Amino acid sequence: MAKRISITQADKDVHPAVLALGQKMGAFALTNSTDRLEATLLAFKQVIDSYTTPQGSTMSRHFTSHVLNPQVEYLSACRPMCFSMGNAVRWLKMQVSKIDIDVPEADAKKDLTEAIDNFLRERIHVADVVIAELVADLISPDGDLVVTFMHHPLVERALLHARVEQQKSFRVMVIDDPFEPTGRALVPRLSNQGIPVSYVPNLAALGTLLQEASLVFFGAESMFSNGAMYAQAGTCDVALFANDLGIPVIGLCSTINFTERVAIDSQTYNEIDPDNHTADSFRLLFDTTPDKYITAVVTELGKTAPASVPVIMRKLEEL
């Protein structure tokens, strides 16, 4: 659970940019994994820019243990890191370890910040564009009813691309979570682009609501290596009903959010809602949808079956 620790409790070595970011994360001002990942890497760029290697040491040996680790520990204390943040931290540590001890500090810092910029562009920005285009192609131009749950930036981008760029005519049903109705803000943004939208404020009567659906899109927080999808709490309920009705269920997830971990239920890896818990009960922020309820996953590498997640991860490691 997000502890929402105060700035005064942070280690003295935590950078001001990271201090501010931790407070935002603890207060849930940044919610989805992509926003949290991008904000983290941009803060780490500021940490690198302000870093000076102590005399008698080298950046490759000193930076990770004495500078980067306190930043990571503080962010983790404010709110548990999402899987993409963990992947990015491991990647950054690897880049630091590769710095030649003979490279001048200014050049090493420049190379690191450029590597972060390339990472952000390729693994987040370009990946999101490609996923949106691939998902938009799945929508039929002759009146599909697309169902989505809550709000996820990738799903919104895909729907807008299908309407604005591909000029497709389709309808959207936004099913929301009564505890965290993020889908409510999505409705006017879609309507303003000429997309007919119906809004459902809770999960009641899913079997009836999904009768006319053509596709169901979910934005995933992560994909486990056993093909299970980690997404907003309530996703599994919608996916289960859609699967029973024979409606294709499509998960949208960039590969930076993949994890080698395995989960078969929602208790293994999850977060507790800090605003909805007592000594006797609590609300989980996410749930785990088994791969049998997911028709396909769309990543920047294409559309694939959930069972192919470990294969994709192995290919990424070889690059």
C-alpha atoms as a PDB file:
ATOM      1  CA  MET A   1       0.000   0.000   0.000  1.00  0.00           C
ATOM      2  CA  ALA A   2       1.193   3.532  -0.748  1.00  0.00           C
ATOM      3  CA  LYS A   3       2.638   4.830   2.528  1.00  0.00           C
ATOM      4  CA  ARG A   4       2.575   8.491   1.551  1.00  0.00           C
ATOM      5  CA  ILE A   5       5.680   9.229   3.605  1.00  0.00           C
ATOM      6  CA  SER A   6       6.585  12.855   4.155  1.00  0.00           C
ATOM      7  CA  ILE A   7       9.547  14.583   2.564  1.00  0.00           C
ATOM      8  CA  THR A   8      11.201  14.894   5.970  1.00  0.00           C
ATOM      9  CA  GLN A   9      11.381  11.099   6.225  1.00  0.00           C
ATOM     10  CA  ALA A  10      13.363  10.756   3.016  1.00  0.00           C
ATOM     11  CA  ASP A  11      17.059   9.949   2.895  1.00  0.00           C
ATOM     12  CA  LYS A  12      19.275  13.032   2.730  1.00  0.00           C
ATOM     13  CA  ASP A  13      20.625  11.845  -0.622  1.00  0.00           C
ATOM     14  CA  VAL A  14      17.255  11.891  -2.373  1.00  0.00           C
ATOM     15  CA  HIS A  15      17.198  14.493  -5.161  1.00  0.00           C
ATOM     16  CA  PRO A  16      14.559  17.282  -4.965  1.00  0.00           C
ATOM     17  CA  ALA A  17      13.032  16.186  -8.283  1.00  0.00           C
ATOM     18  CA  VAL A  18      12.608  12.677  -6.918  1.00  0.00           C
ATOM     19  CA  LEU A  19      11.212  14.007  -3.650  1.00  0.00           C
ATOM     20  CA  ALA A  20       8.489  15.856  -5.557  1.00  0.00           C
ATOM     21  CA  LEU A  21       7.794  12.821  -7.745  1.00  0.00           C
ATOM     22  CA  GLY A  22       7.432  10.545  -4.712  1.00  0.00           C
ATOM     23  CA  GLN A  23       4.843  12.858  -3.215  1.00  0.00           C
ATOM     24  CA  LYS A  24       2.870  12.833  -6.475  1.00  0.00           C
ATOM     25  CA  MET A  25       2.977   9.050  -6.644  1.00  0.00           C
ATOM     26  CA  GLY A  26       1.932   8.652  -3.027  1.00  0.00           C
ATOM     27  CA  ALA A  27      -1.018  10.971  -3.627  1.00  0.00           C
ATOM     28  CA  PHE A  28      -1.945   9.107  -6.866  1.00  0.00           C
ATOM     29  CA  ALA A  29      -1.497  12.251  -8.950  1.00  0.00           C
ATOM     30  CA  LEU A  30       0.192   9.885 -11.415  1.00  0.00           C
ATOM     31  CA  THR A  31      -1.862   6.745 -11.886  1.00  0.00           C
ATOM     32  CA  ASN A  32      -1.120   4.573 -14.930  1.00  0.00           C
ATOM     33  CA  SER A  33       2.205   2.788 -15.277  1.00  0.00           C
ATOM     34  CA  THR A  34       3.313   4.688 -18.386  1.00  0.00           C
ATOM     35  CA  ASP A  35       3.015   8.095 -16.728  1.00  0.00           C
ATOM     36  CA  ARG A  36       4.830   6.863 -13.639  1.00  0.00           C
ATOM     37  CA  LEU A  37       7.628   5.338 -15.718  1.00  0.00           C
ATOM     38  CA  GLU A  38       8.150   8.439 -17.845  1.00  0.00           C
ATOM     39  CA  ALA A  39       8.129  10.772 -14.831  1.00  0.00           C
ATOM     40  CA  THR A  40      10.636   8.529 -13.046  1.00  0.00           C
ATOM     41  CA  LEU A  41      13.110   8.497 -15.910  1.00  0.00           C
ATOM     42  CA  LEU A  42      12.835  12.263 -16.399  1.00  0.00           C
ATOM     43  CA  ALA A  43      13.562  12.733 -12.682  1.00  0.00           C
ATOM     44  CA  PHE A  44      16.553  10.400 -12.953  1.00  0.00           C
ATOM     45  CA  LYS A  45      17.878  12.573 -15.775  1.00  0.00           C
ATOM     46  CA  GLN A  46      17.970  15.485 -13.331  1.00  0.00           C
ATOM     47  CA  VAL A  47      19.749  13.269 -10.801  1.00  0.00           C
ATOM     48  CA  ILE A  48      22.392  12.429 -13.392  1.00  0.00           C
ATOM     49  CA  ASP A  49      22.821  16.063 -14.452  1.00  0.00           C
ATOM     50  CA  SER A  50      23.502  17.159 -10.862  1.00  0.00           C
ATOM     51  CA  TYR A  51      25.840  14.253 -10.064  1.00  0.00           C
ATOM     52  CA  THR A  52      29.557  14.701  -9.447  1.00  0.00           C
ATOM     53  CA  THR A  53      31.836  11.703  -9.019  1.00  0.00           C
ATOM     54  CA  PRO A  54      33.758  11.832  -5.734  1.00  0.00           C
ATOM     55  CA  GLN A  55      37.509  11.991  -6.024  1.00  0.00           C
ATOM     56  CA  GLY A  56      39.112   8.569  -6.019  1.00  0.00           C
ATOM     57  CA  SER A  57      36.003   6.824  -7.360  1.00  0.00           C
ATOM     58  CA  THR A  58      34.383   6.164 -10.743  1.00  0.00           C
ATOM     59  CA  MET A  59      30.844   6.806 -11.905  1.00  0.00           C
ATOM     60  CA  SER A  60      30.216   3.183 -12.854  1.00  0.00           C
ATOM     61  CA  ARG A  61      31.079   2.022  -9.320  1.00  0.00           C
ATOM     62  CA  HIS A  62      29.722   4.902  -7.236  1.00  0.00           C
ATOM     63  CA  PHE A  63      26.538   6.169  -8.921  1.00  0.00           C
ATOM     64  CA  THR A  64      24.267   3.137  -8.563  1.00  0.00           C
ATOM     65  CA  SER A  65      24.931   2.241  -4.925  1.00  0.00           C
ATOM     66  CA  HIS A  66      25.317   5.735  -3.479  1.00  0.00           C
ATOM     67  CA  VAL A  67      23.013   7.845  -5.674  1.00  0.00           C
ATOM     68  CA  LEU A  68      20.518   5.831  -7.703  1.00  0.00           C
ATOM     69  CA  ASN A  69      19.548   3.312  -5.024  1.00  0.00           C
ATOM     70  CA  PRO A  70      18.395   5.954  -2.479  1.00  0.00           C
ATOM     71  CA  GLN A  71      16.129   7.451  -5.171  1.00  0.00           C
ATOM     72  CA  VAL A  72      14.609   4.059  -5.965  1.00  0.00           C
ATOM     73  CA  GLU A  73      14.126   3.196  -2.289  1.00  0.00           C
ATOM     74  CA  TYR A  74      12.337   6.472  -1.646  1.00  0.00           C
ATOM     75  CA  LEU A  75       9.987   6.068  -4.621  1.00  0.00           C
ATOM     76  CA  SER A  76       9.229   2.491  -3.571  1.00  0.00           C
ATOM     77  CA  ALA A  77       8.457   3.697  -0.043  1.00  0.00           C
ATOM     78  CA  CYS A  78       6.010   6.312  -1.361  1.00  0.00           C
ATOM     79  CA  ARG A  79       4.185   3.770  -3.516  1.00  0.00           C
ATOM     80  CA  PRO A  80       5.130   0.266  -4.704  1.00  0.00           C
ATOM     81  CA  MET A  81       6.836   0.487  -8.077  1.00  0.00           C
ATOM     82  CA  CYS A  82       4.946  -0.738 -11.123  1.00  0.00           C
ATOM     83  CA  PHE A  83       6.578  -3.452 -13.219  1.00  0.00           C
ATOM     84  CA  SER A  84       7.682  -1.057 -15.964  1.00  0.00           C
ATOM     85  CA  MET A  85       9.525   1.089 -13.408  1.00  0.00           C
ATOM     86  CA  GLY A  86      11.343  -1.981 -12.134  1.00  0.00           C
ATOM     87  CA  ASN A  87      12.300  -2.951 -15.679  1.00  0.00           C
ATOM     88  CA  ALA A  88      13.563   0.568 -16.400  1.00  0.00           C
ATOM     89  CA  VAL A  89      15.599   0.731 -13.181  1.00  0.00           C
ATOM     90  CA  ARG A  90      17.336  -2.552 -14.040  1.00  0.00           C
ATOM     91  CA  TRP A  91      18.007  -1.251 -17.546  1.00  0.00           C
ATOM     92  CA  LEU A  92      19.476   2.011 -16.213  1.00  0.00           C
ATOM     93  CA  LYS A  93      21.713   0.181 -13.754  1.00  0.00           C
ATOM     94  CA  MET A  94      22.994  -1.924 -16.629  1.00  0.00           C
ATOM     95  CA  GLN A  95      23.806   1.215 -18.636  1.00  0.00           C
ATOM     96  CA  VAL A  96      25.715   2.673 -15.678  1.00  0.00           C
ATOM     97  CA  SER A  97      27.699  -0.537 -15.196  1.00  0.00           C
ATOM     98  CA  LYS A  98      28.841  -0.360 -18.832  1.00  0.00           C
ATOM     99  CA  ILE A  99      30.459   3.072 -18.441  1.00  0.00           C
ATOM    100  CA  ASP A 100      34.184   2.829 -19.140  1.00  0.00           C
ATOM    101  CA  ILE A 101      36.287   4.155 -16.272  1.00  0.00           C
ATOM    102  CA  ASP A 102      38.378   6.132 -18.778  1.00  0.00           C
ATOM    103  CA  VAL A 103      35.386   8.049 -20.185  1.00  0.00           C
ATOM    104  CA  PRO A 104      35.233  11.654 -18.876  1.00  0.00           C
ATOM    105  CA  GLU A 105      32.364  12.251 -16.457  1.00  0.00           C
ATOM    106  CA  ALA A 106      30.722  14.871 -18.681  1.00  0.00           C
ATOM    107  CA  ASP A 107      30.664  12.455 -21.617  1.00  0.00           C
ATOM    108  CA  ALA A 108      29.340   9.606 -19.471  1.00  0.00           C
ATOM    109  CA  LYS A 109      26.509  11.758 -18.137  1.00  0.00           C
ATOM    110  CA  LYS A 110      25.653  12.917 -21.646  1.00  0.00           C
ATOM    111  CA  ASP A 111      25.589   9.320 -22.907  1.00  0.00           C
ATOM    112  CA  LEU A 112      23.303   8.269 -20.037  1.00  0.00           C
ATOM    113  CA  THR A 113      20.799  11.075 -20.551  1.00  0.00           C
ATOM    114  CA  GLU A 114      20.735  10.408 -24.296  1.00  0.00           C
ATOM    115  CA  ALA A 115      20.168   6.711 -23.598  1.00  0.00           C
ATOM    116  CA  ILE A 116      17.203   7.625 -21.370  1.00  0.00           C
ATOM    117  CA  ASP A 117      15.786   9.869 -24.109  1.00  0.00           C
ATOM    118  CA  ASN A 118      16.087   7.024 -26.626  1.00  0.00           C
ATOM    119  CA  PHE A 119      14.493   4.621 -24.163  1.00  0.00           C
ATOM    120  CA  LEU A 120      11.549   6.960 -23.621  1.00  0.00           C
ATOM    121  CA  ARG A 121      11.095   7.473 -27.344  1.00  0.00           C
ATOM    122  CA  GLU A 122      11.367   3.822 -28.419  1.00  0.00           C
ATOM    123  CA  ARG A 123       9.857   1.913 -25.509  1.00  0.00           C
ATOM    124  CA  ILE A 124       7.075   4.377 -24.627  1.00  0.00           C
ATOM    125  CA  HIS A 125       6.229   7.056 -27.195  1.00  0.00           C
ATOM    126  CA  VAL A 126       6.768   5.091 -30.416  1.00  0.00           C
ATOM    127  CA  ALA A 127       5.423   1.915 -28.820  1.00  0.00           C
ATOM    128  CA  ASP A 128       2.174   3.648 -27.850  1.00  0.00           C
ATOM    129  CA  VAL A 129       1.698   5.016 -31.376  1.00  0.00           C
ATOM    130  CA  VAL A 130       2.256   1.600 -32.964  1.00  0.00           C
ATOM    131  CA  ILE A 131      -0.107  -0.134 -30.524  1.00  0.00           C
ATOM    132  CA  ALA A 132      -2.829   2.446 -31.148  1.00  0.00           C
ATOM    133  CA  GLU A 133      -2.564   1.949 -34.906  1.00  0.00           C
ATOM    134  CA  LEU A 134      -2.638  -1.852 -34.635  1.00  0.00           C
ATOM    135  CA  VAL A 135      -5.655  -1.807 -32.335  1.00  0.00           C
ATOM    136  CA  ALA A 136      -7.507   0.702 -34.512  1.00  0.00           C
ATOM    137  CA  ASP A 137      -7.121  -1.722 -37.414  1.00  0.00           C
ATOM    138  CA  LEU A 138      -9.112  -4.321 -35.459  1.00  0.00           C
ATOM    139  CA  ILE A 139     -12.215  -2.127 -35.413  1.00  0.00           C
ATOM    140  CA  SER A 140     -14.628  -2.761 -38.274  1.00  0.00           C
ATOM    141  CA  PRO A 141     -15.771   0.345 -40.213  1.00  0.00           C
ATOM    142  CA  ASP A 142     -19.396  -0.800 -40.289  1.00  0.00           C
ATOM    143  CA  GLY A 143     -20.723  -0.076 -36.814  1.00  0.00           C
ATOM    144  CA  ASP A 144     -18.837  -2.129 -34.221  1.00  0.00           C
ATOM    145  CA  LEU A 145     -19.699  -1.667 -30.565  1.00  0.00           C
ATOM    146  CA  VAL A 146     -16.396  -1.451 -28.696  1.00  0.00           C
ATOM    147  CA  VAL A 147     -16.476  -1.936 -24.935  1.00  0.00           C
ATOM    148  CA  THR A 148     -13.749  -0.709 -22.600  1.00  0.00           C
ATOM    149  CA  PHE A 149     -13.366  -0.612 -18.843  1.00  0.00           C
ATOM    150  CA  MET A 150     -12.458   2.604 -17.009  1.00  0.00           C
ATOM    151  CA  HIS A 151      -9.922   4.850 -18.740  1.00  0.00           C
ATOM    152  CA  HIS A 152      -6.548   3.874 -20.124  1.00  0.00           C
ATOM    153  CA  PRO A 153      -4.507   6.219 -22.365  1.00  0.00           C
ATOM    154  CA  LEU A 154      -3.670   3.470 -24.857  1.00  0.00           C
ATOM    155  CA  VAL A 155      -7.311   2.542 -25.388  1.00  0.00           C
ATOM    156  CA  GLU A 156      -8.271   6.200 -25.793  1.00  0.00           C
ATOM    157  CA  ARG A 157      -5.510   6.754 -28.338  1.00  0.00           C
ATOM    158  CA  ALA A 158      -6.556   3.678 -30.321  1.00  0.00           C
ATOM    159  CA  LEU A 159     -10.225   4.719 -30.423  1.00  0.00           C
ATOM    160  CA  LEU A 160      -9.387   8.260 -31.490  1.00  0.00           C
ATOM    161  CA  HIS A 161      -7.012   6.992 -34.169  1.00  0.00           C
ATOM    162  CA  ALA A 162      -9.729   4.737 -35.598  1.00  0.00           C
ATOM    163  CA  ARG A 163     -12.182   7.640 -35.699  1.00  0.00           C
ATOM    164  CA  VAL A 164     -10.005  10.622 -36.654  1.00  0.00           C
ATOM    165  CA  GLU A 165      -7.297   9.055 -38.797  1.00  0.00           C
ATOM    166  CA  GLN A 166      -9.165   6.086 -40.278  1.00  0.00           C
ATOM    167  CA  GLN A 167     -12.600   7.733 -40.348  1.00  0.00           C
ATOM    168  CA  LYS A 168     -14.338   4.626 -39.012  1.00  0.00           C
ATOM    169  CA  SER A 169     -17.887   4.746 -37.662  1.00  0.00           C
ATOM    170  CA  PHE A 170     -18.370   2.756 -34.482  1.00  0.00           C
ATOM    171  CA  ARG A 171     -19.892   3.000 -31.033  1.00  0.00           C
ATOM    172  CA  VAL A 172     -18.198   2.800 -27.653  1.00  0.00           C
ATOM    173  CA  MET A 173     -19.473   1.630 -24.288  1.00  0.00           C
ATOM    174  CA  VAL A 174     -17.435   2.761 -21.277  1.00  0.00           C
ATOM    175  CA  ILE A 175     -17.980   0.629 -18.184  1.00  0.00           C
ATOM    176  CA  ASP A 176     -16.694   2.309 -15.057  1.00  0.00           C
ATOM    177  CA  ASP A 177     -15.643   1.511 -11.530  1.00  0.00           C
ATOM    178  CA  PRO A 178     -17.851   3.194  -8.892  1.00  0.00           C
ATOM    179  CA  PHE A 179     -14.874   3.558  -6.514  1.00  0.00           C
ATOM    180  CA  GLU A 180     -12.639   5.234  -9.099  1.00  0.00           C
ATOM    181  CA  PRO A 181     -14.762   6.476 -12.048  1.00  0.00           C
ATOM    182  CA  THR A 182     -11.903   7.383 -14.395  1.00  0.00           C
ATOM    183  CA  GLY A 183     -13.985   6.403 -17.426  1.00  0.00           C
ATOM    184  CA  ARG A 184     -16.312   9.355 -16.885  1.00  0.00           C
ATOM    185  CA  ALA A 185     -13.725  11.801 -18.243  1.00  0.00           C
ATOM    186  CA  LEU A 186     -13.209   9.641 -21.346  1.00  0.00           C
ATOM    187  CA  VAL A 187     -16.824  10.006 -22.497  1.00  0.00           C
ATOM    188  CA  PRO A 188     -16.749  13.694 -23.566  1.00  0.00           C
ATOM    189  CA  ARG A 189     -13.345  13.317 -25.223  1.00  0.00           C
ATOM    190  CA  LEU A 190     -14.704  10.564 -27.453  1.00  0.00           C
ATOM    191  CA  SER A 191     -18.035  12.309 -28.018  1.00  0.00           C
ATOM    192  CA  ASN A 192     -16.270  15.484 -29.157  1.00  0.00           C
ATOM    193  CA  GLN A 193     -14.772  13.473 -32.019  1.00  0.00           C
ATOM    194  CA  GLY A 194     -18.152  12.188 -33.186  1.00  0.00           C
ATOM    195  CA  ILE A 195     -18.052   8.786 -31.494  1.00  0.00           C
ATOM    196  CA  PRO A 196     -21.428   7.706 -30.009  1.00  0.00           C
ATOM    197  CA  VAL A 197     -20.672   6.767 -26.386  1.00  0.00           C
ATOM    198  CA  SER A 198     -22.765   5.095 -23.714  1.00  0.00           C
ATOM    199  CA  TYR A 199     -21.625   5.230 -20.112  1.00  0.00           C
ATOM    200  CA  VAL A 200     -22.206   2.533 -17.505  1.00  0.00           C
ATOM    201  CA  PRO A 201     -21.244   3.620 -13.969  1.00  0.00           C
ATOM    202  CA  ASN A 202     -20.787   0.136 -12.473  1.00  0.00           C
ATOM    203  CA  LEU A 203     -20.432  -3.573 -13.207  1.00  0.00           C
ATOM    204  CA  ALA A 204     -24.105  -4.491 -12.769  1.00  0.00           C
ATOM    205  CA  ALA A 205     -25.881  -6.493 -15.508  1.00  0.00           C
ATOM    206  CA  LEU A 206     -22.706  -7.209 -17.499  1.00  0.00           C
ATOM    207  CA  GLY A 207     -24.285 -10.201 -19.206  1.00  0.00           C
ATOM    208  CA  THR A 208     -26.980  -7.976 -20.692  1.00  0.00           C
ATOM    209  CA  LEU A 209     -24.756  -4.988 -21.473  1.00  0.00           C
ATOM    210  CA  LEU A 210     -22.269  -7.034 -23.464  1.00  0.00           C
ATOM    211  CA  GLN A 211     -24.833  -8.802 -25.663  1.00  0.00           C
ATOM    212  CA  GLU A 212     -24.270  -6.474 -28.643  1.00  0.00           C
ATOM    213  CA  ALA A 213     -20.530  -5.903 -28.159  1.00  0.00           C
ATOM    214  CA  SER A 214     -18.139  -6.640 -31.020  1.00  0.00           C
ATOM    215  CA  LEU A 215     -14.834  -6.137 -29.213  1.00  0.00           C
ATOM    216  CA  VAL A 216     -13.599  -5.525 -25.675  1.00  0.00           C
ATOM    217  CA  PHE A 217     -10.428  -3.487 -25.170  1.00  0.00           C
ATOM    218  CA  PHE A 218      -8.444  -3.361 -21.938  1.00  0.00           C
ATOM    219  CA  GLY A 219      -5.377  -1.297 -21.175  1.00  0.00           C
ATOM    220  CA  ALA A 220      -3.072  -3.544 -19.144  1.00  0.00           C
ATOM    221  CA  GLU A 221      -0.733  -2.445 -16.384  1.00  0.00           C
ATOM    222  CA  SER A 222       1.394  -5.505 -17.041  1.00  0.00           C
ATOM    223  CA  MET A 223       1.470  -8.974 -18.564  1.00  0.00           C
ATOM    224  CA  PHE A 224       2.785 -11.874 -16.481  1.00  0.00           C
ATOM    225  CA  SER A 225       4.962 -14.520 -18.098  1.00  0.00           C
ATOM    226  CA  ASN A 226       2.160 -17.092 -17.800  1.00  0.00           C
ATOM    227  CA  GLY A 227      -0.038 -14.891 -20.020  1.00  0.00           C
ATOM    228  CA  ALA A 228      -2.181 -13.465 -17.222  1.00  0.00           C
ATOM    229  CA  MET A 229      -3.096  -9.779 -17.500  1.00  0.00           C
ATOM    230  CA  TYR A 230      -2.644  -7.334 -14.623  1.00  0.00           C
ATOM    231  CA  ALA A 231      -5.100  -4.453 -14.919  1.00  0.00           C
ATOM    232  CA  GLN A 232      -7.577  -2.275 -13.028  1.00  0.00           C
ATOM    233  CA  ALA A 233      -9.755  -4.117 -10.512  1.00  0.00           C
ATOM    234  CA  GLY A 234     -12.920  -5.224 -12.276  1.00  0.00           C
ATOM    235  CA  THR A 235     -11.200  -6.066 -15.552  1.00  0.00           C
ATOM    236  CA  CYS A 236     -11.431  -9.795 -14.922  1.00  0.00           C
ATOM    237  CA  ASP A 237     -15.201  -9.594 -14.347  1.00  0.00           C
ATOM    238  CA  VAL A 238     -15.782  -7.901 -17.701  1.00  0.00           C
ATOM    239  CA  ALA A 239     -13.371 -10.259 -19.482  1.00  0.00           C
ATOM    240  CA  LEU A 240     -15.085 -13.328 -18.014  1.00  0.00           C
ATOM    241  CA  PHE A 241     -18.549 -12.268 -19.220  1.00  0.00           C
ATOM    242  CA  ALA A 242     -17.197 -11.268 -22.645  1.00  0.00           C
ATOM    243  CA  ASN A 243     -15.431 -14.594 -23.005  1.00  0.00           C
ATOM    244  CA  ASP A 244     -18.599 -16.515 -22.135  1.00  0.00           C
ATOM    245  CA  LEU A 245     -20.432 -14.575 -24.860  1.00  0.00           C
ATOM    246  CA  GLY A 246     -17.718 -15.282 -27.421  1.00  0.00           C
ATOM    247  CA  ILE A 247     -16.645 -11.640 -27.716  1.00  0.00           C
ATOM    248  CA  PRO A 248     -12.941 -11.068 -28.524  1.00  0.00           C
ATOM    249  CA  VAL A 249     -11.065  -9.654 -25.526  1.00  0.00           C
ATOM    250  CA  ILE A 250      -7.990  -7.627 -26.498  1.00  0.00           C
ATOM    251  CA  GLY A 251      -5.336  -6.458 -24.049  1.00  0.00           C
ATOM    252  CA  LEU A 252      -3.170  -3.454 -24.916  1.00  0.00           C
ATOM    253  CA  CYS A 253       0.276  -3.505 -23.345  1.00  0.00           C
ATOM    254  CA  SER A 254       3.720  -2.239 -24.372  1.00  0.00           C
ATOM    255  CA  THR A 255       6.532  -4.721 -23.772  1.00  0.00           C
ATOM    256  CA  ILE A 256       8.220  -2.524 -21.164  1.00  0.00           C
ATOM    257  CA  ASN A 257       5.326  -3.567 -18.893  1.00  0.00           C
ATOM    258  CA  PHE A 258       6.009  -7.299 -19.288  1.00  0.00           C
ATOM    259  CA  THR A 259       7.320  -9.142 -16.248  1.00  0.00           C
ATOM    260  CA  GLU A 260       8.980 -12.513 -15.808  1.00  0.00           C
ATOM    261  CA  ARG A 261       6.848 -13.093 -12.720  1.00  0.00           C
ATOM    262  CA  VAL A 262       3.924 -15.502 -12.684  1.00  0.00           C
ATOM    263  CA  ALA A 263       0.518 -14.884 -11.096  1.00  0.00           C
ATOM    264  CA  ILE A 264      -2.541 -17.110 -10.954  1.00  0.00           C
ATOM    265  CA  ASP A 265      -4.691 -14.898  -8.734  1.00  0.00           C
ATOM    266  CA  SER A 266      -5.079 -11.286  -7.658  1.00  0.00           C
ATOM    267  CA  GLN A 267      -3.497 -11.805  -4.246  1.00  0.00           C
ATOM    268  CA  THR A 268       0.043 -12.568  -5.394  1.00  0.00           C
ATOM    269  CA  TYR A 269       0.922  -9.074  -6.628  1.00  0.00           C
ATOM    270  CA  ASN A 270      -1.368  -6.181  -5.914  1.00  0.00           C
ATOM    271  CA  GLU A 271      -1.874  -2.855  -4.172  1.00  0.00           C
ATOM    272  CA  ILE A 272      -4.359  -1.913  -1.490  1.00  0.00           C
ATOM    273  CA  ASP A 273      -6.378   1.235  -2.040  1.00  0.00           C
ATOM    274  CA  PRO A 274      -5.141   3.588   0.722  1.00  0.00           C
ATOM    275  CA  ASP A 275      -8.478   5.424   0.740  1.00  0.00           C
ATOM    276  CA  ASN A 276     -10.669   2.340   1.036  1.00  0.00           C
ATOM    277  CA  HIS A 277      -9.348   0.035   3.729  1.00  0.00           C
ATOM    278  CA  THR A 278     -10.053  -0.731   7.357  1.00  0.00           C
ATOM    279  CA  ALA A 279      -8.823  -3.239   9.889  1.00  0.00           C
ATOM    280  CA  ASP A 280     -11.478  -5.655   8.642  1.00  0.00           C
ATOM    281  CA  SER A 281     -11.593  -5.076   4.889  1.00  0.00           C
ATOM    282  CA  PHE A 282      -9.766  -3.514   1.973  1.00  0.00           C
ATOM    283  CA  ARG A 283     -10.125  -2.811  -1.713  1.00  0.00           C
ATOM    284  CA  LEU A 284      -7.548  -4.009  -4.251  1.00  0.00           C
ATOM    285  CA  LEU A 285      -6.523  -1.601  -6.998  1.00  0.00           C
ATOM    286  CA  PHE A 286      -5.815  -4.290  -9.604  1.00  0.00           C
ATOM    287  CA  ASP A 287      -6.837  -7.786 -10.562  1.00  0.00           C
ATOM    288  CA  THR A 288      -5.320 -10.632 -12.540  1.00  0.00           C
ATOM    289  CA  THR A 289      -7.166 -11.967 -15.578  1.00  0.00           C
ATOM    290  CA  PRO A 290      -6.158 -15.540 -16.574  1.00  0.00           C
ATOM    291  CA  ASP A 291      -4.977 -15.990 -20.137  1.00  0.00           C
ATOM    292  CA  LYS A 292      -7.967 -18.226 -20.972  1.00  0.00           C
ATOM    293  CA  TYR A 293     -10.207 -15.142 -20.897  1.00  0.00           C
ATOM    294  CA  ILE A 294      -7.946 -13.092 -23.189  1.00  0.00           C
ATOM    295  CA  THR A 295      -8.170 -13.519 -26.949  1.00  0.00           C
ATOM    296  CA  ALA A 296      -5.025 -11.580 -27.843  1.00  0.00           C
ATOM    297  CA  VAL A 297      -2.510  -9.036 -26.613  1.00  0.00           C
ATOM    298  CA  VAL A 298      -1.400  -6.143 -28.812  1.00  0.00           C
ATOM    299  CA  THR A 299       2.118  -4.828 -28.246  1.00  0.00           C
ATOM    300  CA  GLU A 300       4.407  -2.655 -30.351  1.00  0.00           C
ATOM    301  CA  LEU A 301       5.660  -5.936 -31.848  1.00  0.00           C
ATOM    302  CA  GLY A 302       2.213  -6.927 -33.087  1.00  0.00           C
ATOM    303  CA  LYS A 303      -0.847  -8.908 -32.086  1.00  0.00           C
ATOM    304  CA  THR A 304      -0.109 -12.150 -30.286  1.00  0.00           C
ATOM    305  CA  ALA A 305      -1.611 -14.772 -28.011  1.00  0.00           C
ATOM    306  CA  PRO A 306      -1.117 -14.293 -24.245  1.00  0.00           C
ATOM    307  CA  ALA A 307       0.860 -17.534 -24.157  1.00  0.00           C
ATOM    308  CA  SER A 308       3.529 -15.856 -26.306  1.00  0.00           C
ATOM    309  CA  VAL A 309       4.539 -13.405 -23.556  1.00  0.00           C
ATOM    310  CA  PRO A 310       7.619 -15.419 -22.431  1.00  0.00           C
ATOM    311  CA  VAL A 311       8.719 -15.821 -26.058  1.00  0.00           C
ATOM    312  CA  ILE A 312       8.568 -12.051 -26.559  1.00  0.00           C
ATOM    313  CA  MET A 313      10.517 -11.487 -23.358  1.00  0.00           C
ATOM    314  CA  ARG A 314      13.279 -13.824 -24.508  1.00  0.00           C
ATOM    315  CA  LYS A 315      13.508 -11.996 -27.832  1.00  0.00           C
ATOM    316  CA  LEU A 316      13.780  -8.648 -26.062  1.00  0.00           C
ATOM    317  CA  GLU A 317      16.634  -9.950 -23.932  1.00  0.00           C
ATOM    318  CA  GLU A 318      18.530 -10.954 -27.084  1.00  0.00           C
ATOM    319  CA  LEU A 319      18.310  -7.453 -28.600  1.00  0.00           C
END
